[in-house]
Amino acid sequence: TAGVLQVTELPLREPATPHLLDFCRHRMLPTLLRGGARQLAWFCTEHSPNTFARLPVREGEPVLVGLALFGDEAALQSFAGSGAWARDVAPGLSPHLAAEPEVLRLQPTARSVLHA
């Protein structure tokens, strides 16, 4: 199976700084990999003006979005129950947050490239 994709939207106090991105690479990434994530990606807010009005975007809201692919729901639940995030990531992340993170769990559709 392709697994379960956890998407975490982190509302930031300010645009992502080099310090925060370094924290992602050296603290968040290893924690997620040790917890069973198979693939990871991070995306930051683009601060250029929206030049495509038919595609509305939120402006002035810096966010960091993390994607973590786990092998299955059990692997994700095992990581969530381990306390690793609360112990190893949350304390260093909290000064950067403007609000609580929003977490979504997605499963790839039948035609997703994640099945390839």
C-alpha atoms as a PDB file:
ATOM      1  CA  THR A   1       0.000   0.000   0.000  1.00  0.00           C
ATOM      2  CA  ALA A   2       1.044   3.610  -0.461  1.00  0.00           C
ATOM      3  CA  GLY A   3       0.529   4.490   3.183  1.00  0.00           C
ATOM      4  CA  VAL A   4      -0.916   7.434   5.074  1.00  0.00           C
ATOM      5  CA  LEU A   5       0.167  11.011   4.476  1.00  0.00           C
ATOM      6  CA  GLN A   6       0.131  13.315   7.462  1.00  0.00           C
ATOM      7  CA  VAL A   7      -0.067  16.996   6.513  1.00  0.00           C
ATOM      8  CA  THR A   8       0.746  19.476   9.258  1.00  0.00           C
ATOM      9  CA  GLU A   9       0.087  23.186   8.761  1.00  0.00           C
ATOM     10  CA  LEU A  10       2.107  25.278  11.196  1.00  0.00           C
ATOM     11  CA  PRO A  11       0.919  28.914  11.439  1.00  0.00           C
ATOM     12  CA  LEU A  12       4.013  31.037  12.088  1.00  0.00           C
ATOM     13  CA  ARG A  13       4.557  34.288  13.981  1.00  0.00           C
ATOM     14  CA  GLU A  14       6.820  35.477  11.153  1.00  0.00           C
ATOM     15  CA  PRO A  15       8.007  34.107   7.795  1.00  0.00           C
ATOM     16  CA  ALA A  16      10.139  30.977   8.135  1.00  0.00           C
ATOM     17  CA  THR A  17      13.635  31.934   9.242  1.00  0.00           C
ATOM     18  CA  PRO A  18      16.881  30.085   8.507  1.00  0.00           C
ATOM     19  CA  HIS A  19      16.872  29.077  12.197  1.00  0.00           C
ATOM     20  CA  LEU A  20      13.440  27.437  11.843  1.00  0.00           C
ATOM     21  CA  LEU A  21      14.409  25.640   8.632  1.00  0.00           C
ATOM     22  CA  ASP A  22      17.579  24.389  10.335  1.00  0.00           C
ATOM     23  CA  PHE A  23      15.370  23.105  13.175  1.00  0.00           C
ATOM     24  CA  CYS A  24      13.263  21.252  10.572  1.00  0.00           C
ATOM     25  CA  ARG A  25      16.352  19.574   9.097  1.00  0.00           C
ATOM     26  CA  HIS A  26      18.134  18.703  12.310  1.00  0.00           C
ATOM     27  CA  ARG A  27      15.332  18.055  14.814  1.00  0.00           C
ATOM     28  CA  MET A  28      12.001  17.464  13.069  1.00  0.00           C
ATOM     29  CA  LEU A  29      13.321  15.344  10.182  1.00  0.00           C
ATOM     30  CA  PRO A  30      15.287  12.875  12.347  1.00  0.00           C
ATOM     31  CA  THR A  31      12.389  12.585  14.817  1.00  0.00           C
ATOM     32  CA  LEU A  32       9.933  11.729  12.042  1.00  0.00           C
ATOM     33  CA  LEU A  33      12.329   9.289  10.359  1.00  0.00           C
ATOM     34  CA  ARG A  34      13.015   7.491  13.650  1.00  0.00           C
ATOM     35  CA  GLY A  35       9.239   7.395  14.117  1.00  0.00           C
ATOM     36  CA  GLY A  36       8.702   5.500  10.872  1.00  0.00           C
ATOM     37  CA  ALA A  37       8.053   8.203   8.271  1.00  0.00           C
ATOM     38  CA  ARG A  38       9.264   7.041   4.839  1.00  0.00           C
ATOM     39  CA  GLN A  39       9.248  10.347   2.966  1.00  0.00           C
ATOM     40  CA  LEU A  40       9.155  13.951   4.108  1.00  0.00           C
ATOM     41  CA  ALA A  41       8.772  17.383   2.578  1.00  0.00           C
ATOM     42  CA  TRP A  42       8.515  20.934   3.922  1.00  0.00           C
ATOM     43  CA  PHE A  43       6.943  23.941   2.216  1.00  0.00           C
ATOM     44  CA  CYS A  44       7.050  27.614   3.267  1.00  0.00           C
ATOM     45  CA  THR A  45       4.730  30.458   2.375  1.00  0.00           C
ATOM     46  CA  GLU A  46       5.598  32.269  -0.858  1.00  0.00           C
ATOM     47  CA  HIS A  47       5.448  36.001  -0.203  1.00  0.00           C
ATOM     48  CA  SER A  48       5.151  37.203  -3.806  1.00  0.00           C
ATOM     49  CA  PRO A  49       1.931  38.991  -4.770  1.00  0.00           C
ATOM     50  CA  ASN A  50      -0.821  36.773  -6.150  1.00  0.00           C
ATOM     51  CA  THR A  51      -0.913  37.503  -9.881  1.00  0.00           C
ATOM     52  CA  PHE A  52      -3.603  34.907 -10.621  1.00  0.00           C
ATOM     53  CA  ALA A  53      -6.795  36.327  -9.137  1.00  0.00           C
ATOM     54  CA  ARG A  54      -8.928  33.274 -10.012  1.00  0.00           C
ATOM     55  CA  LEU A  55      -6.866  31.270  -7.514  1.00  0.00           C
ATOM     56  CA  PRO A  56      -7.465  32.919  -4.150  1.00  0.00           C
ATOM     57  CA  VAL A  57      -4.693  32.633  -1.608  1.00  0.00           C
ATOM     58  CA  ARG A  58      -4.324  33.776   1.957  1.00  0.00           C
ATOM     59  CA  GLU A  59      -1.938  36.685   2.105  1.00  0.00           C
ATOM     60  CA  GLY A  60      -0.017  37.894   5.119  1.00  0.00           C
ATOM     61  CA  GLU A  61      -0.257  34.535   6.912  1.00  0.00           C
ATOM     62  CA  PRO A  62       3.145  32.855   7.095  1.00  0.00           C
ATOM     63  CA  VAL A  63       2.923  29.085   7.396  1.00  0.00           C
ATOM     64  CA  LEU A  64       5.164  26.066   7.214  1.00  0.00           C
ATOM     65  CA  VAL A  65       3.561  22.882   5.890  1.00  0.00           C
ATOM     66  CA  GLY A  66       5.101  19.511   6.606  1.00  0.00           C
ATOM     67  CA  LEU A  67       4.270  16.298   4.762  1.00  0.00           C
ATOM     68  CA  ALA A  68       5.204  12.931   6.262  1.00  0.00           C
ATOM     69  CA  LEU A  69       4.362   9.627   4.579  1.00  0.00           C
ATOM     70  CA  PHE A  70       3.969   6.641   6.891  1.00  0.00           C
ATOM     71  CA  GLY A  71       3.655   3.025   5.719  1.00  0.00           C
ATOM     72  CA  ASP A  72       0.176   2.583   7.179  1.00  0.00           C
ATOM     73  CA  GLU A  73      -2.201   3.878   9.832  1.00  0.00           C
ATOM     74  CA  ALA A  74      -0.596   1.642  12.479  1.00  0.00           C
ATOM     75  CA  ALA A  75       2.835   3.183  11.847  1.00  0.00           C
ATOM     76  CA  LEU A  76       1.382   6.685  12.121  1.00  0.00           C
ATOM     77  CA  GLN A  77      -0.496   5.786  15.310  1.00  0.00           C
ATOM     78  CA  SER A  78       2.653   4.263  16.783  1.00  0.00           C
ATOM     79  CA  PHE A  79       4.565   7.486  16.128  1.00  0.00           C
ATOM     80  CA  ALA A  80       1.705   9.636  17.462  1.00  0.00           C
ATOM     81  CA  GLY A  81       1.540   7.557  20.646  1.00  0.00           C
ATOM     82  CA  SER A  82       5.290   7.508  21.220  1.00  0.00           C
ATOM     83  CA  GLY A  83       5.468  11.033  22.635  1.00  0.00           C
ATOM     84  CA  ALA A  84       8.522  11.772  20.470  1.00  0.00           C
ATOM     85  CA  TRP A  85       6.969  14.863  18.888  1.00  0.00           C
ATOM     86  CA  ALA A  86       5.936  16.364  22.235  1.00  0.00           C
ATOM     87  CA  ARG A  87       9.310  15.547  23.780  1.00  0.00           C
ATOM     88  CA  ASP A  88      11.764  16.233  20.937  1.00  0.00           C
ATOM     89  CA  VAL A  89      10.070  18.766  18.644  1.00  0.00           C
ATOM     90  CA  ALA A  90       7.261  20.757  20.269  1.00  0.00           C
ATOM     91  CA  PRO A  91       9.384  22.694  22.808  1.00  0.00           C
ATOM     92  CA  GLY A  92      11.720  24.040  20.104  1.00  0.00           C
ATOM     93  CA  LEU A  93       8.891  24.678  17.667  1.00  0.00           C
ATOM     94  CA  SER A  94       6.472  26.501  19.972  1.00  0.00           C
ATOM     95  CA  PRO A  95       8.272  29.902  19.976  1.00  0.00           C
ATOM     96  CA  HIS A  96       7.751  30.062  16.188  1.00  0.00           C
ATOM     97  CA  LEU A  97       4.012  29.284  16.242  1.00  0.00           C
ATOM     98  CA  ALA A  98       1.235  31.866  16.026  1.00  0.00           C
ATOM     99  CA  ALA A  99      -1.488  29.254  16.692  1.00  0.00           C
ATOM    100  CA  GLU A 100      -1.976  25.531  17.147  1.00  0.00           C
ATOM    101  CA  PRO A 101      -0.935  23.372  14.171  1.00  0.00           C
ATOM    102  CA  GLU A 102      -3.638  21.819  12.011  1.00  0.00           C
ATOM    103  CA  VAL A 103      -3.044  18.134  11.266  1.00  0.00           C
ATOM    104  CA  LEU A 104      -4.699  16.235   8.408  1.00  0.00           C
ATOM    105  CA  ARG A 105      -4.363  12.565   7.520  1.00  0.00           C
ATOM    106  CA  LEU A 106      -4.770  11.637   3.878  1.00  0.00           C
ATOM    107  CA  GLN A 107      -4.705   8.377   1.970  1.00  0.00           C
ATOM    108  CA  PRO A 108      -3.548   8.390  -1.657  1.00  0.00           C
ATOM    109  CA  THR A 109      -6.202   7.832  -4.299  1.00  0.00           C
ATOM    110  CA  ALA A 110      -6.007   4.855  -6.647  1.00  0.00           C
ATOM    111  CA  ARG A 111      -4.320   6.958  -9.365  1.00  0.00           C
ATOM    112  CA  SER A 112      -1.797   8.653  -7.034  1.00  0.00           C
ATOM    113  CA  VAL A 113       1.870   8.573  -8.027  1.00  0.00           C
ATOM    114  CA  LEU A 114       2.567   7.442  -4.455  1.00  0.00           C
ATOM    115  CA  HIS A 115       1.472   3.955  -5.572  1.00  0.00           C
ATOM    116  CA  ALA A 116       4.184   3.805  -8.226  1.00  0.00           C
END
